[in-house]
Amino acid sequence: MSRTQISTERQSVTGAPPAATVDLKLEVVAIPVSDVDRSKAFYAGLGWTVDADFMVGNDFRAVQLTPPGSPCSIHLSTTAVPGSAQGMFLVVSDIEAARKELIAHRVNVSEVFHYDGDHRPVPGPDPKLPSYGSYASFSDPDGNRWVLQQVKTRLPGRGLSLDVATLTELFQETEKRHSSYEPTAPKHHWSGWYAAYVVARERGRTPDEAAKDATLHIEGA
């Protein structure tokens, strides 16, 4: 569903005009565990960064970890049923490489699978969808289940996978777009246009839309 459709539906339901778009960035997900130390050791053993481990007062322990390359972290929580978090997605660019790395850390990972037309799991990677079609899964010591999903190229409007290769292509694309704009542009520093363009593309805007956004940023400023 597009952002416009969402805004229209919201207005039709509430009768109020849609609110201005504000970034809502998912930052932390609570993972219910029974033993914080055991879970911390498990996730840290996967190479996840331990961001925090401290006490708040006498009863609350804040333990946060972040998967490699992820903008979202996890918080180890003891306030919900351990193992009740199911089907959390970890997006990877190479699902076989991700499986091998987890197996090297002695994690029991499923074989790669995909879904048929009736959404039933079928062994093996999806032969038709190199992106979004192939999965594998594993669980932590409490049974919280994670799903690996392979995404090599994101669908339009779903942002970008910000790995080195993708960023290189994005910077080259930005340079080309800016070169077309610069001859008729008001005096500005290239970095402002570049930054606005890259942010727009990462948010899922098309190259044409991102160029318009970057131009408005410069000329509005």
N, C-alpha and C. Protein backbone atom coordinates (compact mmCIF):
# COMPACT_ATOMS: atom_id res chain seq x y z
N MET A 1 0.86 -1.19 0.00
CA MET A 1 0.00 0.00 0.00
C MET A 1 0.89 1.24 0.00
N SER A 2 0.57 2.22 -0.83
CA SER A 2 1.40 3.42 -0.92
C SER A 2 1.14 4.34 0.26
N ARG A 3 2.05 5.30 0.45
CA ARG A 3 1.90 6.27 1.52
C ARG A 3 0.64 7.11 1.31
N THR A 4 0.32 7.42 0.03
CA THR A 4 -0.88 8.19 -0.27
C THR A 4 -2.14 7.42 0.09
N GLN A 5 -2.16 6.11 -0.25
CA GLN A 5 -3.31 5.28 0.09
C GLN A 5 -3.51 5.20 1.60
N ILE A 6 -2.40 5.06 2.34
CA ILE A 6 -2.48 4.98 3.79
C ILE A 6 -3.07 6.27 4.35
N SER A 7 -2.60 7.43 3.83
CA SER A 7 -3.11 8.70 4.30
C SER A 7 -4.58 8.86 3.99
N THR A 8 -4.99 8.43 2.78
CA THR A 8 -6.39 8.53 2.39
C THR A 8 -7.27 7.67 3.27
N GLU A 9 -6.83 6.42 3.55
CA GLU A 9 -7.60 5.53 4.42
C GLU A 9 -7.74 6.13 5.81
N ARG A 10 -6.64 6.68 6.32
CA ARG A 10 -6.67 7.25 7.66
C ARG A 10 -7.68 8.40 7.73
N GLN A 11 -7.71 9.23 6.67
CA GLN A 11 -8.63 10.35 6.67
C GLN A 11 -10.07 9.88 6.58
N SER A 12 -10.33 8.82 5.76
CA SER A 12 -11.69 8.34 5.60
C SER A 12 -12.22 7.71 6.87
N VAL A 13 -11.33 7.10 7.67
CA VAL A 13 -11.76 6.45 8.90
C VAL A 13 -11.98 7.45 10.02
N THR A 14 -11.06 8.41 10.16
CA THR A 14 -11.13 9.34 11.28
C THR A 14 -11.88 10.62 10.95
N GLY A 15 -11.99 10.94 9.66
CA GLY A 15 -12.62 12.19 9.27
C GLY A 15 -11.70 13.37 9.41
N ALA A 16 -10.47 13.14 9.85
CA ALA A 16 -9.51 14.23 10.03
C ALA A 16 -8.49 14.19 8.91
N PRO A 17 -7.89 15.31 8.56
CA PRO A 17 -6.86 15.32 7.53
C PRO A 17 -5.64 14.54 8.00
N PRO A 18 -4.89 13.93 7.08
CA PRO A 18 -3.71 13.15 7.47
C PRO A 18 -2.66 14.04 8.12
N ALA A 19 -1.99 13.48 9.11
CA ALA A 19 -0.92 14.21 9.77
C ALA A 19 0.31 14.27 8.89
N ALA A 20 1.18 15.21 9.17
CA ALA A 20 2.44 15.30 8.43
C ALA A 20 3.25 14.04 8.66
N THR A 21 4.02 13.66 7.66
CA THR A 21 4.83 12.45 7.77
C THR A 21 6.02 12.69 8.68
N VAL A 22 6.15 11.86 9.69
CA VAL A 22 7.27 11.94 10.62
C VAL A 22 7.96 10.59 10.62
N ASP A 23 9.29 10.58 10.56
CA ASP A 23 10.02 9.32 10.61
C ASP A 23 9.74 8.59 11.91
N LEU A 24 9.39 7.32 11.81
CA LEU A 24 9.22 6.47 12.98
C LEU A 24 10.18 5.30 12.81
N LYS A 25 11.35 5.41 13.36
CA LYS A 25 12.40 4.44 13.13
C LYS A 25 12.40 3.39 14.24
N LEU A 26 12.12 2.15 13.85
CA LEU A 26 12.13 1.06 14.82
C LEU A 26 13.55 0.91 15.36
N GLU A 27 13.70 1.10 16.66
CA GLU A 27 15.03 1.16 17.27
C GLU A 27 15.38 -0.09 18.07
N VAL A 28 14.41 -0.59 18.87
CA VAL A 28 14.69 -1.73 19.75
C VAL A 28 13.47 -2.64 19.80
N VAL A 29 13.70 -3.95 19.78
CA VAL A 29 12.64 -4.95 19.93
C VAL A 29 12.94 -5.76 21.18
N ALA A 30 11.94 -5.91 22.04
CA ALA A 30 12.12 -6.68 23.28
C ALA A 30 11.99 -8.18 22.98
N ILE A 31 12.97 -8.95 23.45
CA ILE A 31 12.99 -10.39 23.27
C ILE A 31 12.79 -11.04 24.65
N PRO A 32 11.69 -11.78 24.85
CA PRO A 32 11.42 -12.36 26.17
C PRO A 32 12.28 -13.59 26.44
N VAL A 33 13.04 -13.53 27.52
CA VAL A 33 13.96 -14.62 27.86
C VAL A 33 13.79 -15.01 29.32
N SER A 34 14.26 -16.19 29.66
CA SER A 34 14.17 -16.66 31.05
C SER A 34 15.45 -16.40 31.83
N ASP A 35 16.58 -16.37 31.12
CA ASP A 35 17.88 -16.19 31.77
C ASP A 35 18.67 -15.17 30.96
N VAL A 36 18.80 -13.97 31.49
CA VAL A 36 19.43 -12.88 30.75
C VAL A 36 20.89 -13.20 30.43
N ASP A 37 21.61 -13.75 31.39
CA ASP A 37 23.03 -14.04 31.15
C ASP A 37 23.19 -15.09 30.05
N ARG A 38 22.36 -16.13 30.07
CA ARG A 38 22.44 -17.17 29.05
C ARG A 38 22.13 -16.58 27.66
N SER A 39 21.10 -15.76 27.59
CA SER A 39 20.72 -15.18 26.31
C SER A 39 21.76 -14.18 25.82
N LYS A 40 22.30 -13.41 26.73
CA LYS A 40 23.35 -12.46 26.35
C LYS A 40 24.54 -13.22 25.76
N ALA A 41 24.93 -14.31 26.39
CA ALA A 41 26.05 -15.10 25.89
C ALA A 41 25.73 -15.69 24.52
N PHE A 42 24.48 -16.13 24.31
CA PHE A 42 24.08 -16.70 23.03
C PHE A 42 24.19 -15.67 21.91
N TYR A 43 23.58 -14.53 22.10
CA TYR A 43 23.58 -13.52 21.03
C TYR A 43 24.96 -12.89 20.83
N ALA A 44 25.68 -12.66 21.91
CA ALA A 44 27.04 -12.13 21.78
C ALA A 44 27.92 -13.14 21.05
N GLY A 45 27.64 -14.43 21.28
CA GLY A 45 28.39 -15.49 20.59
C GLY A 45 28.14 -15.53 19.10
N LEU A 46 27.04 -14.91 18.65
CA LEU A 46 26.76 -14.82 17.21
C LEU A 46 27.48 -13.64 16.57
N GLY A 47 28.16 -12.85 17.40
CA GLY A 47 28.84 -11.66 16.89
C GLY A 47 28.02 -10.40 17.01
N TRP A 48 26.89 -10.48 17.75
CA TRP A 48 26.07 -9.29 17.95
C TRP A 48 26.75 -8.39 18.99
N THR A 49 26.74 -7.09 18.76
CA THR A 49 27.40 -6.14 19.64
C THR A 49 26.61 -5.94 20.93
N VAL A 50 27.28 -6.03 22.07
CA VAL A 50 26.65 -5.73 23.35
C VAL A 50 26.71 -4.22 23.54
N ASP A 51 25.56 -3.56 23.37
CA ASP A 51 25.51 -2.10 23.49
C ASP A 51 25.43 -1.63 24.93
N ALA A 52 24.73 -2.40 25.76
CA ALA A 52 24.53 -1.96 27.14
C ALA A 52 24.26 -3.15 28.04
N ASP A 53 24.69 -3.04 29.28
CA ASP A 53 24.36 -4.00 30.33
C ASP A 53 24.55 -3.28 31.66
N PHE A 54 23.45 -2.75 32.19
CA PHE A 54 23.54 -2.01 33.44
C PHE A 54 22.23 -2.12 34.21
N MET A 55 22.30 -1.82 35.47
CA MET A 55 21.13 -1.87 36.34
C MET A 55 20.48 -0.49 36.44
N VAL A 56 19.16 -0.50 36.45
CA VAL A 56 18.38 0.71 36.73
C VAL A 56 17.66 0.45 38.04
N GLY A 57 18.12 1.08 39.09
CA GLY A 57 17.59 0.77 40.41
C GLY A 57 18.05 -0.61 40.85
N ASN A 58 17.27 -1.26 41.67
CA ASN A 58 17.65 -2.56 42.21
C ASN A 58 17.08 -3.74 41.43
N ASP A 59 16.07 -3.48 40.59
CA ASP A 59 15.33 -4.59 40.00
C ASP A 59 15.39 -4.69 38.48
N PHE A 60 15.75 -3.60 37.79
CA PHE A 60 15.69 -3.62 36.34
C PHE A 60 17.08 -3.64 35.72
N ARG A 61 17.32 -4.66 34.91
CA ARG A 61 18.60 -4.78 34.22
C ARG A 61 18.39 -4.52 32.73
N ALA A 62 19.11 -3.57 32.18
CA ALA A 62 19.00 -3.23 30.76
C ALA A 62 20.14 -3.88 29.99
N VAL A 63 19.78 -4.84 29.15
CA VAL A 63 20.78 -5.51 28.31
C VAL A 63 20.33 -5.37 26.86
N GLN A 64 21.15 -4.71 26.05
CA GLN A 64 20.81 -4.46 24.65
C GLN A 64 21.94 -4.94 23.76
N LEU A 65 21.56 -5.60 22.65
CA LEU A 65 22.53 -6.07 21.65
C LEU A 65 22.04 -5.68 20.26
N THR A 66 22.98 -5.58 19.31
CA THR A 66 22.63 -5.21 17.94
C THR A 66 23.25 -6.19 16.96
N PRO A 67 22.45 -6.77 16.06
CA PRO A 67 23.00 -7.65 15.03
C PRO A 67 23.92 -6.87 14.09
N PRO A 68 24.92 -7.50 13.50
CA PRO A 68 25.83 -6.81 12.58
C PRO A 68 25.07 -6.13 11.44
N GLY A 69 25.34 -4.85 11.24
CA GLY A 69 24.73 -4.12 10.13
C GLY A 69 23.29 -3.71 10.34
N SER A 70 22.73 -3.96 11.52
CA SER A 70 21.31 -3.68 11.74
C SER A 70 21.11 -2.32 12.39
N PRO A 71 20.11 -1.53 11.91
CA PRO A 71 19.77 -0.28 12.58
C PRO A 71 18.88 -0.51 13.80
N CYS A 72 18.38 -1.74 13.97
CA CYS A 72 17.49 -2.06 15.08
C CYS A 72 18.20 -3.01 16.04
N SER A 73 18.01 -2.79 17.33
CA SER A 73 18.64 -3.61 18.36
C SER A 73 17.60 -4.47 19.06
N ILE A 74 18.07 -5.34 19.96
CA ILE A 74 17.16 -6.13 20.78
C ILE A 74 17.43 -5.82 22.25
N HIS A 75 16.37 -5.90 23.03
CA HIS A 75 16.47 -5.75 24.49
C HIS A 75 16.04 -7.06 25.11
N LEU A 76 16.86 -7.64 25.97
CA LEU A 76 16.52 -8.89 26.63
C LEU A 76 15.58 -8.60 27.80
N SER A 77 14.36 -9.12 27.68
CA SER A 77 13.31 -8.80 28.64
C SER A 77 12.88 -10.04 29.41
N THR A 78 12.54 -9.85 30.68
CA THR A 78 12.03 -10.94 31.50
C THR A 78 10.58 -10.68 31.93
N THR A 79 9.91 -9.77 31.24
CA THR A 79 8.55 -9.40 31.63
C THR A 79 7.47 -10.08 30.80
N ALA A 80 7.85 -10.89 29.83
CA ALA A 80 6.87 -11.61 29.01
C ALA A 80 7.24 -13.09 29.00
N VAL A 81 6.40 -13.90 28.38
CA VAL A 81 6.63 -15.35 28.35
C VAL A 81 7.88 -15.66 27.53
N PRO A 82 8.89 -16.29 28.13
CA PRO A 82 10.11 -16.62 27.38
C PRO A 82 9.79 -17.47 26.15
N GLY A 83 10.39 -17.10 25.04
CA GLY A 83 10.19 -17.85 23.80
C GLY A 83 8.96 -17.46 23.01
N SER A 84 8.24 -16.44 23.45
CA SER A 84 6.99 -16.08 22.78
C SER A 84 7.19 -15.16 21.59
N ALA A 85 8.42 -14.71 21.34
CA ALA A 85 8.69 -13.90 20.15
C ALA A 85 8.96 -14.84 18.98
N GLN A 86 8.14 -14.76 17.96
CA GLN A 86 8.23 -15.70 16.85
C GLN A 86 8.24 -14.97 15.49
N GLY A 87 9.08 -15.46 14.58
CA GLY A 87 9.05 -14.95 13.21
C GLY A 87 9.65 -13.58 13.03
N MET A 88 10.70 -13.25 13.77
CA MET A 88 11.38 -11.97 13.57
C MET A 88 12.38 -12.13 12.43
N PHE A 89 12.38 -11.18 11.49
CA PHE A 89 13.16 -11.32 10.26
C PHE A 89 14.53 -10.67 10.38
N LEU A 90 15.53 -11.41 9.92
CA LEU A 90 16.88 -10.89 9.74
C LEU A 90 17.19 -10.97 8.25
N VAL A 91 17.31 -9.82 7.61
CA VAL A 91 17.54 -9.78 6.17
C VAL A 91 19.02 -9.95 5.88
N VAL A 92 19.33 -10.84 4.94
CA VAL A 92 20.72 -11.10 4.56
C VAL A 92 20.83 -11.05 3.04
N SER A 93 22.01 -10.72 2.54
CA SER A 93 22.21 -10.67 1.09
C SER A 93 22.60 -12.03 0.51
N ASP A 94 23.11 -12.91 1.36
CA ASP A 94 23.53 -14.25 0.93
C ASP A 94 23.10 -15.23 2.01
N ILE A 95 22.01 -15.94 1.77
CA ILE A 95 21.44 -16.78 2.82
C ILE A 95 22.30 -18.00 3.12
N GLU A 96 22.99 -18.53 2.13
CA GLU A 96 23.86 -19.68 2.37
C GLU A 96 25.06 -19.27 3.22
N ALA A 97 25.62 -18.10 2.94
CA ALA A 97 26.74 -17.62 3.74
C ALA A 97 26.30 -17.34 5.17
N ALA A 98 25.09 -16.80 5.33
CA ALA A 98 24.57 -16.53 6.68
C ALA A 98 24.37 -17.83 7.44
N ARG A 99 23.86 -18.87 6.77
CA ARG A 99 23.67 -20.16 7.42
C ARG A 99 25.01 -20.74 7.88
N LYS A 100 26.01 -20.68 7.01
CA LYS A 100 27.31 -21.24 7.34
C LYS A 100 27.91 -20.53 8.55
N GLU A 101 27.72 -19.22 8.63
CA GLU A 101 28.27 -18.47 9.75
C GLU A 101 27.57 -18.85 11.04
N LEU A 102 26.25 -19.01 11.00
CA LEU A 102 25.52 -19.41 12.20
C LEU A 102 25.91 -20.82 12.63
N ILE A 103 26.04 -21.71 11.67
CA ILE A 103 26.43 -23.09 11.97
C ILE A 103 27.82 -23.12 12.61
N ALA A 104 28.71 -22.22 12.14
CA ALA A 104 30.05 -22.14 12.72
C ALA A 104 30.00 -21.72 14.19
N HIS A 105 28.92 -21.04 14.56
CA HIS A 105 28.72 -20.64 15.95
C HIS A 105 27.87 -21.67 16.71
N ARG A 106 27.73 -22.86 16.12
CA ARG A 106 27.03 -23.99 16.73
C ARG A 106 25.54 -23.72 16.93
N VAL A 107 24.96 -23.00 16.00
CA VAL A 107 23.52 -22.73 16.03
C VAL A 107 22.83 -23.73 15.11
N ASN A 108 21.72 -24.26 15.56
CA ASN A 108 20.94 -25.20 14.76
C ASN A 108 20.05 -24.41 13.80
N VAL A 109 20.46 -24.35 12.55
CA VAL A 109 19.75 -23.56 11.54
C VAL A 109 19.04 -24.50 10.58
N SER A 110 17.83 -24.15 10.19
CA SER A 110 17.10 -24.98 9.23
C SER A 110 17.78 -24.92 7.87
N GLU A 111 17.42 -25.86 7.01
CA GLU A 111 17.83 -25.77 5.62
C GLU A 111 17.09 -24.59 4.97
N VAL A 112 17.62 -24.12 3.86
CA VAL A 112 16.95 -23.05 3.12
C VAL A 112 15.64 -23.58 2.55
N PHE A 113 14.60 -22.75 2.61
CA PHE A 113 13.30 -23.15 2.07
C PHE A 113 12.62 -21.96 1.43
N HIS A 114 11.56 -22.22 0.67
CA HIS A 114 10.72 -21.17 0.11
C HIS A 114 9.28 -21.62 0.21
N TYR A 115 8.36 -20.78 -0.20
CA TYR A 115 6.94 -21.11 -0.11
C TYR A 115 6.33 -21.32 -1.50
N ASP A 116 5.40 -22.29 -1.58
CA ASP A 116 4.70 -22.49 -2.84
C ASP A 116 3.52 -21.54 -2.93
N GLY A 117 2.68 -21.71 -3.94
CA GLY A 117 1.55 -20.82 -4.16
C GLY A 117 0.51 -20.84 -3.07
N ASP A 118 0.51 -21.89 -2.26
CA ASP A 118 -0.42 -21.99 -1.13
C ASP A 118 0.25 -21.65 0.20
N HIS A 119 1.41 -21.01 0.10
CA HIS A 119 2.19 -20.61 1.27
C HIS A 119 2.58 -21.79 2.14
N ARG A 120 2.95 -22.87 1.49
CA ARG A 120 3.48 -24.04 2.20
C ARG A 120 4.98 -24.10 1.98
N PRO A 121 5.75 -24.36 3.03
CA PRO A 121 7.20 -24.39 2.88
C PRO A 121 7.67 -25.53 1.98
N VAL A 122 8.61 -25.20 1.10
CA VAL A 122 9.17 -26.16 0.15
C VAL A 122 10.69 -26.11 0.29
N PRO A 123 11.36 -27.27 0.35
CA PRO A 123 12.82 -27.26 0.51
C PRO A 123 13.53 -26.56 -0.65
N GLY A 124 14.62 -25.88 -0.31
CA GLY A 124 15.45 -25.25 -1.32
C GLY A 124 15.14 -23.77 -1.51
N PRO A 125 16.08 -23.02 -2.11
CA PRO A 125 15.84 -21.60 -2.38
C PRO A 125 14.78 -21.43 -3.46
N ASP A 126 14.15 -20.28 -3.47
CA ASP A 126 13.13 -19.99 -4.48
C ASP A 126 13.81 -19.81 -5.84
N PRO A 127 13.45 -20.62 -6.84
CA PRO A 127 14.11 -20.52 -8.14
C PRO A 127 13.71 -19.27 -8.92
N LYS A 128 12.61 -18.64 -8.53
CA LYS A 128 12.10 -17.49 -9.28
C LYS A 128 12.39 -16.16 -8.60
N LEU A 129 12.62 -16.19 -7.29
CA LEU A 129 12.79 -14.95 -6.54
C LEU A 129 14.12 -14.94 -5.79
N PRO A 130 15.18 -14.40 -6.40
CA PRO A 130 16.45 -14.31 -5.67
C PRO A 130 16.35 -13.38 -4.47
N SER A 131 15.40 -12.43 -4.52
CA SER A 131 15.13 -11.55 -3.39
C SER A 131 13.74 -11.82 -2.84
N TYR A 132 13.63 -11.84 -1.52
CA TYR A 132 12.38 -11.99 -0.79
C TYR A 132 11.78 -13.39 -0.85
N GLY A 133 12.41 -14.34 -1.54
CA GLY A 133 11.78 -15.63 -1.71
C GLY A 133 12.38 -16.79 -0.94
N SER A 134 13.60 -16.62 -0.41
CA SER A 134 14.28 -17.74 0.24
C SER A 134 14.51 -17.46 1.72
N TYR A 135 14.31 -18.51 2.53
CA TYR A 135 14.32 -18.35 3.98
C TYR A 135 15.10 -19.48 4.66
N ALA A 136 15.47 -19.22 5.91
CA ALA A 136 15.97 -20.24 6.82
C ALA A 136 15.62 -19.73 8.22
N SER A 137 15.63 -20.61 9.21
CA SER A 137 15.24 -20.15 10.54
C SER A 137 16.11 -20.80 11.62
N PHE A 138 16.15 -20.14 12.78
CA PHE A 138 16.83 -20.68 13.95
C PHE A 138 16.18 -20.09 15.19
N SER A 139 16.45 -20.68 16.33
CA SER A 139 15.86 -20.21 17.59
C SER A 139 16.95 -19.99 18.63
N ASP A 140 16.66 -19.12 19.58
CA ASP A 140 17.58 -18.91 20.69
C ASP A 140 17.29 -19.95 21.78
N PRO A 141 18.03 -19.96 22.88
CA PRO A 141 17.82 -21.00 23.91
C PRO A 141 16.42 -21.06 24.50
N ASP A 142 15.65 -19.97 24.43
CA ASP A 142 14.29 -19.97 24.96
C ASP A 142 13.25 -20.34 23.91
N GLY A 143 13.66 -20.48 22.65
CA GLY A 143 12.71 -20.80 21.60
C GLY A 143 12.20 -19.60 20.83
N ASN A 144 12.73 -18.40 21.10
CA ASN A 144 12.40 -17.25 20.26
C ASN A 144 12.93 -17.52 18.85
N ARG A 145 12.06 -17.42 17.86
CA ARG A 145 12.40 -17.87 16.51
C ARG A 145 12.73 -16.70 15.58
N TRP A 146 13.87 -16.82 14.94
CA TRP A 146 14.33 -15.84 13.96
C TRP A 146 14.25 -16.43 12.55
N VAL A 147 13.93 -15.60 11.59
CA VAL A 147 13.85 -16.03 10.20
C VAL A 147 14.85 -15.24 9.36
N LEU A 148 15.72 -15.94 8.67
CA LEU A 148 16.61 -15.30 7.72
C LEU A 148 15.86 -15.15 6.40
N GLN A 149 15.91 -13.99 5.80
CA GLN A 149 15.30 -13.77 4.49
C GLN A 149 16.35 -13.16 3.57
N GLN A 150 16.51 -13.76 2.40
CA GLN A 150 17.50 -13.26 1.45
C GLN A 150 16.92 -12.12 0.62
N VAL A 151 17.61 -10.98 0.65
CA VAL A 151 17.22 -9.83 -0.17
C VAL A 151 18.48 -9.31 -0.86
N LYS A 152 18.55 -9.52 -2.15
CA LYS A 152 19.68 -9.03 -2.92
C LYS A 152 19.40 -7.65 -3.51
N THR A 153 18.18 -7.44 -3.94
CA THR A 153 17.75 -6.15 -4.48
C THR A 153 16.39 -5.82 -3.90
N ARG A 154 16.27 -4.68 -3.24
CA ARG A 154 15.00 -4.33 -2.63
C ARG A 154 13.98 -3.86 -3.66
N LEU A 155 12.71 -4.09 -3.35
CA LEU A 155 11.64 -3.62 -4.21
C LEU A 155 11.57 -2.10 -4.14
N PRO A 156 11.06 -1.45 -5.21
CA PRO A 156 10.93 0.01 -5.20
C PRO A 156 10.12 0.47 -3.99
N GLY A 157 10.58 1.54 -3.36
CA GLY A 157 9.87 2.08 -2.22
C GLY A 157 10.23 1.44 -0.90
N ARG A 158 11.16 0.49 -0.91
CA ARG A 158 11.51 -0.20 0.33
C ARG A 158 12.94 0.07 0.77
N GLY A 159 13.46 1.21 0.34
CA GLY A 159 14.80 1.57 0.77
C GLY A 159 15.88 0.77 0.07
N LEU A 160 17.08 0.85 0.59
CA LEU A 160 18.23 0.20 -0.02
C LEU A 160 18.96 -0.64 1.01
N SER A 161 19.64 -1.68 0.54
CA SER A 161 20.54 -2.44 1.40
C SER A 161 21.88 -1.69 1.40
N LEU A 162 22.23 -1.08 2.51
CA LEU A 162 23.38 -0.18 2.52
C LEU A 162 24.69 -0.93 2.78
N ASP A 163 25.03 -1.85 1.88
CA ASP A 163 26.33 -2.48 1.91
C ASP A 163 27.27 -1.67 1.02
N VAL A 164 28.54 -2.02 1.00
CA VAL A 164 29.54 -1.24 0.27
C VAL A 164 29.23 -1.19 -1.22
N ALA A 165 28.87 -2.33 -1.81
CA ALA A 165 28.60 -2.36 -3.24
C ALA A 165 27.40 -1.48 -3.60
N THR A 166 26.34 -1.56 -2.79
CA THR A 166 25.15 -0.75 -3.06
C THR A 166 25.45 0.73 -2.87
N LEU A 167 26.20 1.07 -1.82
CA LEU A 167 26.55 2.47 -1.58
C LEU A 167 27.41 3.02 -2.71
N THR A 168 28.31 2.20 -3.23
CA THR A 168 29.14 2.64 -4.34
C THR A 168 28.28 3.00 -5.54
N GLU A 169 27.34 2.13 -5.87
CA GLU A 169 26.43 2.40 -6.99
C GLU A 169 25.58 3.64 -6.72
N LEU A 170 25.14 3.78 -5.45
CA LEU A 170 24.30 4.92 -5.10
C LEU A 170 25.08 6.23 -5.23
N PHE A 171 26.33 6.25 -4.79
CA PHE A 171 27.13 7.47 -4.91
C PHE A 171 27.40 7.81 -6.38
N GLN A 172 27.62 6.78 -7.20
CA GLN A 172 27.82 7.03 -8.62
C GLN A 172 26.55 7.59 -9.26
N GLU A 173 25.41 7.03 -8.86
CA GLU A 173 24.12 7.53 -9.35
C GLU A 173 23.90 8.97 -8.90
N THR A 174 24.23 9.26 -7.63
CA THR A 174 24.08 10.61 -7.10
C THR A 174 24.95 11.60 -7.86
N GLU A 175 26.18 11.21 -8.12
CA GLU A 175 27.10 12.07 -8.86
C GLU A 175 26.56 12.40 -10.25
N LYS A 176 26.02 11.40 -10.92
CA LYS A 176 25.47 11.59 -12.26
C LYS A 176 24.27 12.54 -12.22
N ARG A 177 23.38 12.32 -11.25
CA ARG A 177 22.19 13.18 -11.14
C ARG A 177 22.58 14.61 -10.80
N HIS A 178 23.55 14.77 -9.91
CA HIS A 178 23.98 16.10 -9.52
C HIS A 178 24.65 16.82 -10.68
N SER A 179 25.38 16.08 -11.50
CA SER A 179 26.04 16.69 -12.66
C SER A 179 25.03 17.28 -13.63
N SER A 180 23.86 16.66 -13.71
CA SER A 180 22.80 17.19 -14.58
C SER A 180 22.17 18.44 -13.99
N TYR A 181 22.15 18.51 -12.67
CA TYR A 181 21.50 19.64 -11.98
C TYR A 181 22.42 20.84 -11.85
N GLU A 182 23.70 20.60 -11.65
CA GLU A 182 24.64 21.65 -11.27
C GLU A 182 24.75 22.82 -12.25
N PRO A 183 24.75 22.58 -13.59
CA PRO A 183 24.94 23.71 -14.51
C PRO A 183 23.90 24.82 -14.38
N THR A 184 22.70 24.50 -13.97
CA THR A 184 21.64 25.52 -13.86
C THR A 184 21.26 25.80 -12.40
N ALA A 185 21.99 25.24 -11.47
CA ALA A 185 21.64 25.35 -10.05
C ALA A 185 22.16 26.65 -9.45
N PRO A 186 21.49 27.13 -8.40
CA PRO A 186 22.05 28.27 -7.67
C PRO A 186 23.33 27.83 -6.95
N LYS A 187 24.10 28.77 -6.50
CA LYS A 187 25.35 28.45 -5.82
C LYS A 187 25.07 27.60 -4.58
N HIS A 188 25.75 26.47 -4.47
CA HIS A 188 25.55 25.59 -3.33
C HIS A 188 26.75 24.67 -3.21
N HIS A 189 26.86 24.00 -2.06
CA HIS A 189 27.90 22.99 -1.91
C HIS A 189 27.32 21.64 -2.28
N TRP A 190 28.07 20.88 -3.03
CA TRP A 190 27.57 19.59 -3.54
C TRP A 190 27.12 18.67 -2.42
N SER A 191 27.74 18.78 -1.23
CA SER A 191 27.43 17.83 -0.16
C SER A 191 25.98 17.91 0.29
N GLY A 192 25.39 19.11 0.27
CA GLY A 192 24.00 19.26 0.66
C GLY A 192 23.05 18.55 -0.28
N TRP A 193 23.33 18.68 -1.58
CA TRP A 193 22.48 18.01 -2.58
C TRP A 193 22.67 16.50 -2.49
N TYR A 194 23.93 16.07 -2.36
CA TYR A 194 24.23 14.64 -2.24
C TYR A 194 23.50 14.03 -1.04
N ALA A 195 23.59 14.71 0.10
CA ALA A 195 22.99 14.16 1.32
C ALA A 195 21.48 14.01 1.18
N ALA A 196 20.83 15.03 0.64
CA ALA A 196 19.38 14.98 0.46
C ALA A 196 18.98 13.89 -0.52
N TYR A 197 19.78 13.71 -1.56
CA TYR A 197 19.48 12.68 -2.57
C TYR A 197 19.63 11.28 -1.96
N VAL A 198 20.72 11.05 -1.26
CA VAL A 198 20.99 9.72 -0.68
C VAL A 198 19.92 9.37 0.36
N VAL A 199 19.55 10.33 1.20
CA VAL A 199 18.52 10.07 2.21
C VAL A 199 17.20 9.72 1.54
N ALA A 200 16.85 10.45 0.49
CA ALA A 200 15.60 10.18 -0.23
C ALA A 200 15.60 8.79 -0.85
N ARG A 201 16.72 8.39 -1.43
CA ARG A 201 16.81 7.06 -2.05
C ARG A 201 16.74 5.97 -0.99
N GLU A 202 17.39 6.18 0.15
CA GLU A 202 17.36 5.18 1.22
C GLU A 202 15.95 5.02 1.77
N ARG A 203 15.15 6.08 1.70
CA ARG A 203 13.77 6.02 2.16
C ARG A 203 12.81 5.44 1.13
N GLY A 204 13.35 5.05 -0.03
CA GLY A 204 12.52 4.38 -1.02
C GLY A 204 12.07 5.25 -2.17
N ARG A 205 12.55 6.49 -2.25
CA ARG A 205 12.18 7.36 -3.36
C ARG A 205 12.88 6.91 -4.63
N THR A 206 12.24 7.11 -5.78
CA THR A 206 12.85 6.78 -7.06
C THR A 206 13.95 7.79 -7.36
N PRO A 207 14.84 7.50 -8.33
CA PRO A 207 15.88 8.48 -8.67
C PRO A 207 15.32 9.85 -9.06
N ASP A 208 14.24 9.87 -9.85
CA ASP A 208 13.64 11.14 -10.24
C ASP A 208 13.08 11.88 -9.03
N GLU A 209 12.39 11.14 -8.16
CA GLU A 209 11.83 11.76 -6.96
C GLU A 209 12.93 12.27 -6.03
N ALA A 210 14.01 11.48 -5.91
CA ALA A 210 15.12 11.88 -5.04
C ALA A 210 15.79 13.14 -5.57
N ALA A 211 15.92 13.24 -6.90
CA ALA A 211 16.53 14.43 -7.50
C ALA A 211 15.66 15.67 -7.22
N LYS A 212 14.34 15.51 -7.29
CA LYS A 212 13.45 16.62 -6.98
C LYS A 212 13.56 17.01 -5.52
N ASP A 213 13.64 16.02 -4.65
CA ASP A 213 13.77 16.29 -3.21
C ASP A 213 15.07 17.03 -2.91
N ALA A 214 16.15 16.59 -3.53
CA ALA A 214 17.45 17.23 -3.30
C ALA A 214 17.46 18.66 -3.83
N THR A 215 16.82 18.86 -4.97
CA THR A 215 16.74 20.21 -5.54
C THR A 215 15.91 21.13 -4.65
N LEU A 216 14.79 20.63 -4.15
CA LEU A 216 13.97 21.42 -3.24
C LEU A 216 14.71 21.74 -1.96
N HIS A 217 15.52 20.79 -1.49
CA HIS A 217 16.32 21.02 -0.29
C HIS A 217 17.29 22.18 -0.50
N ILE A 218 17.97 22.18 -1.64
CA ILE A 218 18.95 23.23 -1.92
C ILE A 218 18.26 24.57 -2.16
N GLU A 219 17.26 24.57 -3.00
CA GLU A 219 16.63 25.83 -3.38
C GLU A 219 15.73 26.35 -2.26
N GLY A 220 15.19 25.42 -1.44
CA GLY A 220 14.41 25.87 -0.28
C GLY A 220 15.30 26.48 0.77
N ALA A 221 16.50 25.90 0.93
CA ALA A 221 17.43 26.42 1.91
C ALA A 221 17.97 27.77 1.51
